[in-house]
Amino acid sequence: MTLIKSISGIRGTIGGAPGTALTPVDIVKFAAAFGTWIKLRKGKKVVIGRDARISGEMVSQLVSSTLQGLGLDVIDLGLSTTPTVEIAVPREKAGGGIILTASHNPIQWNALKLLNERGEFISGEDGAEVLALADAEKFDFALVEKLGKYSRHDQYIKTHIELVKKHKLVDVTAIRKAKFKIVVDAVNSTGGIVIPQLLEALGVKKVKKLYCDPTGYFPHNPEPLPENIKDICRIVKKEKYDLGIVVDPDVDRLAFVQEDGEPFGE
């Protein structure tokens, strides 16, 4: 079992003894440390979101309840992406955000990735403060009348897509005219929700979904490297698609496959 504490957050494998893996005890401890850090900066709200890992719902419930216990309001985006949580934090005027994902790591991993009030990953200095709070367990939980509120906001994927469409470098008319045919491999996580919706909103003619059911059971190594994406490479070439798009579980890693089935180099 593995537990890694760093200035950018906490990650580890699910199961095992506290302090040796990402157990419920460790999740609560570090969520409390981050929530305390936000309170010290006068923050009142936290945005959270998660990828589709099978441990995600459990981790999310522990994190949101801990933050409420500190007196912080929780805005839960549910199944989401790292970039979507990042844009939601400042839009909600939150004191910070937590993305519950182990990024491209295998299924047994999960993590708390921490954002400041600007929706950016916290700095090294801020991360050190959070770790110090966790080590000292300097938590002051709220009295019952002061517990935080919990709310679900399911619209942010749509909001994010609309922001992409309106971006000055995005030409929806040109995309629609090109009549692209695209395959998407979302490794059975939240990219399977977001990327097809985005492509359809941009006017892509045909979108083929490969591993787009957000079950959290990854059909291959979720890191989008050439050796892990052979299925989509074969389909793009054989079925004459214009492009292949591969994302990792939290949709902050991206790989493209050319029309000849060969991945673009990073």
Protein backbone atom coordinates (compact mmCIF):
# COMPACT_ATOMS: atom_id res chain seq x y z
CA MET A 1 0.00 0.00 0.00
CA THR A 2 1.16 3.53 -0.73
CA LEU A 3 0.48 7.00 0.67
CA ILE A 4 2.28 10.00 -0.81
CA LYS A 5 2.01 13.40 0.88
CA SER A 6 3.27 16.34 -1.13
CA ILE A 7 2.79 20.08 -1.44
CA SER A 8 0.31 19.50 -4.28
CA GLY A 9 -1.98 17.18 -2.33
CA ILE A 10 -2.24 13.64 -1.07
CA ARG A 11 -2.47 10.48 -3.14
CA GLY A 12 -2.34 6.81 -2.47
CA THR A 13 -3.84 3.40 -2.94
CA ILE A 14 -7.20 2.53 -1.44
CA GLY A 15 -7.22 0.10 1.50
CA GLY A 16 -4.79 -0.79 4.25
CA ALA A 17 -3.81 0.70 7.59
CA PRO A 18 -4.07 4.44 8.33
CA GLY A 19 -0.87 6.27 7.50
CA THR A 20 0.21 3.65 4.99
CA ALA A 21 -2.42 4.16 2.28
CA LEU A 22 -5.29 6.45 1.32
CA THR A 23 -7.69 5.22 3.99
CA PRO A 24 -10.84 7.02 5.20
CA VAL A 25 -8.85 8.24 8.21
CA ASP A 26 -6.21 9.82 5.97
CA ILE A 27 -8.82 11.32 3.64
CA VAL A 28 -10.59 13.02 6.55
CA LYS A 29 -7.31 14.23 8.06
CA PHE A 30 -6.07 15.93 4.90
CA ALA A 31 -9.49 17.27 3.92
CA ALA A 32 -9.66 18.83 7.39
CA ALA A 33 -6.18 20.31 6.98
CA PHE A 34 -7.06 21.88 3.64
CA GLY A 35 -10.41 23.13 4.92
CA THR A 36 -8.66 24.68 7.92
CA TRP A 37 -6.17 26.37 5.58
CA ILE A 38 -9.09 27.83 3.60
CA LYS A 39 -10.75 29.08 6.80
CA LEU A 40 -7.53 30.76 7.89
CA ARG A 41 -7.67 32.67 4.58
CA LYS A 42 -11.29 33.67 5.32
CA GLY A 43 -12.73 31.33 2.71
CA LYS A 44 -16.28 30.10 3.18
CA LYS A 45 -16.89 27.72 0.25
CA VAL A 46 -15.08 24.82 -1.43
CA VAL A 47 -15.78 23.35 -4.88
CA ILE A 48 -15.20 19.63 -5.30
CA GLY A 49 -15.45 17.29 -8.28
CA ARG A 50 -14.26 13.81 -9.14
CA ASP A 51 -13.37 11.43 -11.92
CA ALA A 52 -15.21 8.12 -12.32
CA ARG A 53 -12.91 5.92 -10.21
CA ILE A 54 -14.81 3.27 -8.29
CA SER A 55 -13.50 4.73 -5.02
CA GLY A 56 -14.58 8.24 -6.03
CA GLU A 57 -18.02 8.33 -4.43
CA MET A 58 -16.67 7.14 -1.09
CA VAL A 59 -13.82 9.65 -1.14
CA SER A 60 -16.18 12.45 -2.16
CA GLN A 61 -18.58 11.74 0.69
CA LEU A 62 -15.76 11.74 3.22
CA VAL A 63 -14.30 14.99 1.90
CA SER A 64 -17.60 16.87 1.67
CA SER A 65 -18.71 15.78 5.14
CA THR A 66 -15.37 16.81 6.65
CA LEU A 67 -15.53 20.24 5.03
CA GLN A 68 -19.11 20.72 6.23
CA GLY A 69 -17.95 19.70 9.69
CA LEU A 70 -15.52 22.60 9.61
CA GLY A 71 -18.36 24.98 8.77
CA LEU A 72 -17.52 25.31 5.07
CA ASP A 73 -20.16 25.20 2.34
CA VAL A 74 -19.50 22.51 -0.27
CA ILE A 75 -20.37 22.88 -3.95
CA ASP A 76 -20.16 19.41 -5.46
CA LEU A 77 -19.83 19.15 -9.25
CA GLY A 78 -20.09 15.36 -9.07
CA LEU A 79 -18.54 13.56 -12.04
CA SER A 80 -16.42 16.27 -13.61
CA THR A 81 -12.97 17.07 -14.99
CA THR A 82 -9.95 18.81 -13.53
CA PRO A 83 -10.26 21.82 -15.89
CA THR A 84 -13.98 22.12 -15.11
CA VAL A 85 -13.36 22.28 -11.36
CA GLU A 86 -10.63 24.84 -12.03
CA ILE A 87 -13.03 27.20 -13.81
CA ALA A 88 -15.80 26.65 -11.25
CA VAL A 89 -13.78 27.79 -8.22
CA PRO A 90 -13.47 31.50 -9.16
CA ARG A 91 -16.92 31.58 -10.75
CA GLU A 92 -18.40 30.42 -7.45
CA LYS A 93 -16.16 32.80 -5.47
CA ALA A 94 -14.97 29.80 -3.46
CA GLY A 95 -11.97 29.77 -1.15
CA GLY A 96 -10.52 26.78 -2.98
CA GLY A 97 -11.25 23.49 -4.67
CA ILE A 98 -10.47 19.81 -4.43
CA ILE A 99 -10.28 17.49 -7.42
CA LEU A 100 -10.69 13.87 -6.39
CA THR A 101 -8.59 12.00 -8.92
CA ALA A 102 -5.31 10.15 -9.21
CA SER A 103 -4.97 11.46 -12.75
CA HIS A 104 -3.40 8.80 -15.02
CA ASN A 105 -2.61 6.34 -12.19
CA PRO A 106 -4.22 2.87 -12.14
CA ILE A 107 -7.59 1.98 -10.67
CA GLN A 108 -6.43 1.32 -7.08
CA TRP A 109 -5.21 4.91 -6.70
CA ASN A 110 -7.06 8.07 -5.75
CA ALA A 111 -6.01 11.53 -4.60
CA LEU A 112 -6.97 14.97 -3.34
CA LYS A 113 -5.58 17.62 -5.70
CA LEU A 114 -5.80 21.08 -4.15
CA LEU A 115 -6.72 24.42 -5.74
CA ASN A 116 -6.55 27.96 -4.40
CA GLU A 117 -9.26 30.63 -4.74
CA ARG A 118 -8.13 31.36 -8.33
CA GLY A 119 -8.71 27.77 -9.41
CA GLU A 120 -4.96 27.19 -9.67
CA PHE A 121 -2.97 24.45 -7.97
CA ILE A 122 -1.72 25.68 -4.62
CA SER A 123 1.88 26.85 -4.39
CA GLY A 124 4.70 25.00 -2.68
CA GLU A 125 4.53 27.37 0.26
CA ASP A 126 0.77 26.91 0.63
CA GLY A 127 1.12 23.16 0.30
CA ALA A 128 3.69 23.11 3.09
CA GLU A 129 1.22 24.97 5.32
CA VAL A 130 -1.47 22.39 4.61
CA LEU A 131 0.90 19.52 5.42
CA ALA A 132 1.92 21.22 8.67
CA LEU A 133 -1.74 21.61 9.68
CA ALA A 134 -2.30 17.91 8.94
CA ASP A 135 0.71 16.84 10.98
CA ALA A 136 -0.34 18.99 13.94
CA GLU A 137 -4.02 18.07 13.55
CA LYS A 138 -4.94 21.67 14.34
CA PHE A 139 -8.59 21.36 13.41
CA ASP A 140 -11.47 23.27 15.00
CA PHE A 141 -14.76 21.73 13.91
CA ALA A 142 -17.95 23.76 13.89
CA LEU A 143 -20.77 23.63 16.41
CA VAL A 144 -23.97 22.06 15.14
CA GLU A 145 -25.60 25.41 14.33
CA LYS A 146 -22.59 26.38 12.21
CA LEU A 147 -22.19 23.28 10.02
CA GLY A 148 -21.59 23.98 6.35
CA LYS A 149 -24.20 23.49 3.64
CA TYR A 150 -23.96 20.99 0.79
CA SER A 151 -25.21 21.57 -2.75
CA ARG A 152 -24.87 19.80 -6.09
CA HIS A 153 -24.19 21.85 -9.21
CA ASP A 154 -24.55 19.68 -12.30
CA GLN A 155 -24.42 22.46 -14.91
CA TYR A 156 -20.70 23.12 -15.00
CA ILE A 157 -19.87 20.72 -17.82
CA LYS A 158 -22.37 22.61 -19.98
CA THR A 159 -20.94 25.94 -18.75
CA HIS A 160 -17.42 24.78 -19.61
CA ILE A 161 -18.46 23.71 -23.12
CA GLU A 162 -20.12 27.08 -23.74
CA LEU A 163 -16.94 28.87 -22.64
CA VAL A 164 -14.92 26.78 -25.13
CA LYS A 165 -17.36 27.58 -27.95
CA LYS A 166 -17.11 31.31 -27.20
CA HIS A 167 -13.30 31.36 -27.08
CA LYS A 168 -11.79 33.68 -29.69
CA LEU A 169 -9.59 30.91 -31.13
CA VAL A 170 -12.49 28.48 -31.67
CA ASP A 171 -14.23 28.67 -35.08
CA VAL A 172 -17.38 26.58 -34.77
CA THR A 173 -18.47 27.39 -38.33
CA ALA A 174 -15.19 26.10 -39.80
CA ILE A 175 -15.37 22.94 -37.71
CA ARG A 176 -18.92 22.25 -38.83
CA LYS A 177 -18.02 22.81 -42.49
CA ALA A 178 -15.10 20.37 -42.24
CA LYS A 179 -17.50 17.50 -41.38
CA PHE A 180 -14.95 15.78 -39.17
CA LYS A 181 -15.30 12.18 -38.02
CA ILE A 182 -13.59 11.62 -34.67
CA VAL A 183 -13.06 8.70 -32.28
CA VAL A 184 -12.86 9.34 -28.53
CA ASP A 185 -11.17 7.03 -25.99
CA ALA A 186 -12.04 8.27 -22.49
CA VAL A 187 -10.80 5.20 -20.55
CA ASN A 188 -14.29 4.75 -19.02
CA SER A 189 -14.08 7.93 -16.96
CA THR A 190 -15.52 11.42 -17.06
CA GLY A 191 -14.04 12.31 -20.43
CA GLY A 192 -16.68 9.96 -21.82
CA ILE A 193 -19.29 12.44 -20.65
CA VAL A 194 -17.55 15.67 -21.58
CA ILE A 195 -15.57 15.14 -24.79
CA PRO A 196 -18.41 13.75 -26.96
CA GLN A 197 -20.68 16.57 -25.77
CA LEU A 198 -18.00 19.12 -26.60
CA LEU A 199 -17.38 17.70 -30.08
CA GLU A 200 -21.09 17.62 -30.87
CA ALA A 201 -21.47 21.22 -29.65
CA LEU A 202 -18.60 22.21 -31.95
CA GLY A 203 -20.37 20.68 -34.94
CA VAL A 204 -18.31 17.52 -35.47
CA LYS A 205 -20.21 15.35 -37.98
CA LYS A 206 -19.63 11.94 -36.38
CA VAL A 207 -18.31 10.97 -32.95
CA LYS A 208 -17.47 7.34 -32.21
CA LYS A 209 -17.29 6.55 -28.50
CA LEU A 210 -14.65 4.07 -27.37
CA TYR A 211 -14.50 3.32 -23.63
CA CYS A 212 -16.75 6.27 -22.85
CA ASP A 213 -18.98 4.65 -20.20
CA PRO A 214 -17.93 6.29 -16.89
CA THR A 215 -17.80 3.09 -14.83
CA GLY A 216 -14.29 3.70 -13.48
CA TYR A 217 -13.08 0.32 -14.77
CA PHE A 218 -10.19 1.27 -17.02
CA PRO A 219 -9.94 -0.99 -20.11
CA HIS A 220 -6.21 -0.27 -20.47
CA ASN A 221 -3.46 1.60 -18.67
CA PRO A 222 -5.04 5.07 -18.29
CA GLU A 223 -1.89 7.04 -19.11
CA PRO A 224 -2.40 8.17 -22.75
CA LEU A 225 0.92 6.96 -24.11
CA PRO A 226 1.30 5.28 -27.55
CA GLU A 227 1.72 1.80 -26.08
CA ASN A 228 -1.59 2.14 -24.19
CA ILE A 229 -3.86 3.41 -26.96
CA LYS A 230 -3.48 0.79 -29.68
CA ASP A 231 -7.24 0.12 -29.93
CA ILE A 232 -8.11 3.66 -30.99
CA CYS A 233 -5.12 3.83 -33.33
CA ARG A 234 -6.36 0.72 -35.13
CA ILE A 235 -9.95 2.03 -35.38
CA VAL A 236 -8.95 5.46 -36.71
CA LYS A 237 -6.96 3.90 -39.53
CA LYS A 238 -9.26 1.00 -40.37
CA GLU A 239 -12.52 2.98 -40.29
CA LYS A 240 -11.03 6.09 -41.89
CA TYR A 241 -11.63 8.63 -39.16
CA ASP A 242 -10.06 12.07 -39.32
CA LEU A 243 -8.78 12.13 -35.76
CA GLY A 244 -8.56 10.19 -32.52
CA ILE A 245 -8.78 11.89 -29.13
CA VAL A 246 -7.58 10.19 -25.94
CA VAL A 247 -7.85 11.64 -22.43
CA ASP A 248 -6.86 10.37 -19.00
CA PRO A 249 -9.42 9.78 -16.21
CA ASP A 250 -9.68 13.43 -15.08
CA VAL A 251 -9.25 14.91 -18.58
CA ASP A 252 -6.11 16.97 -17.98
CA ARG A 253 -3.93 14.78 -20.20
CA LEU A 254 -4.59 14.69 -23.93
CA ALA A 255 -3.28 12.66 -26.85
CA PHE A 256 -4.21 12.87 -30.54
CA VAL A 257 -4.16 10.11 -33.16
CA GLN A 258 -3.59 11.08 -36.78
CA GLU A 259 -5.75 9.78 -39.63
CA ASP A 260 -3.11 7.15 -40.45
CA GLY A 261 -3.46 5.68 -36.95
CA GLU A 262 -0.20 7.10 -35.64
CA PRO A 263 -0.22 9.19 -32.44
CA PHE A 264 1.12 12.73 -32.54
CA GLY A 265 4.28 13.08 -30.50
CA GLU A 266 3.88 15.01 -27.25
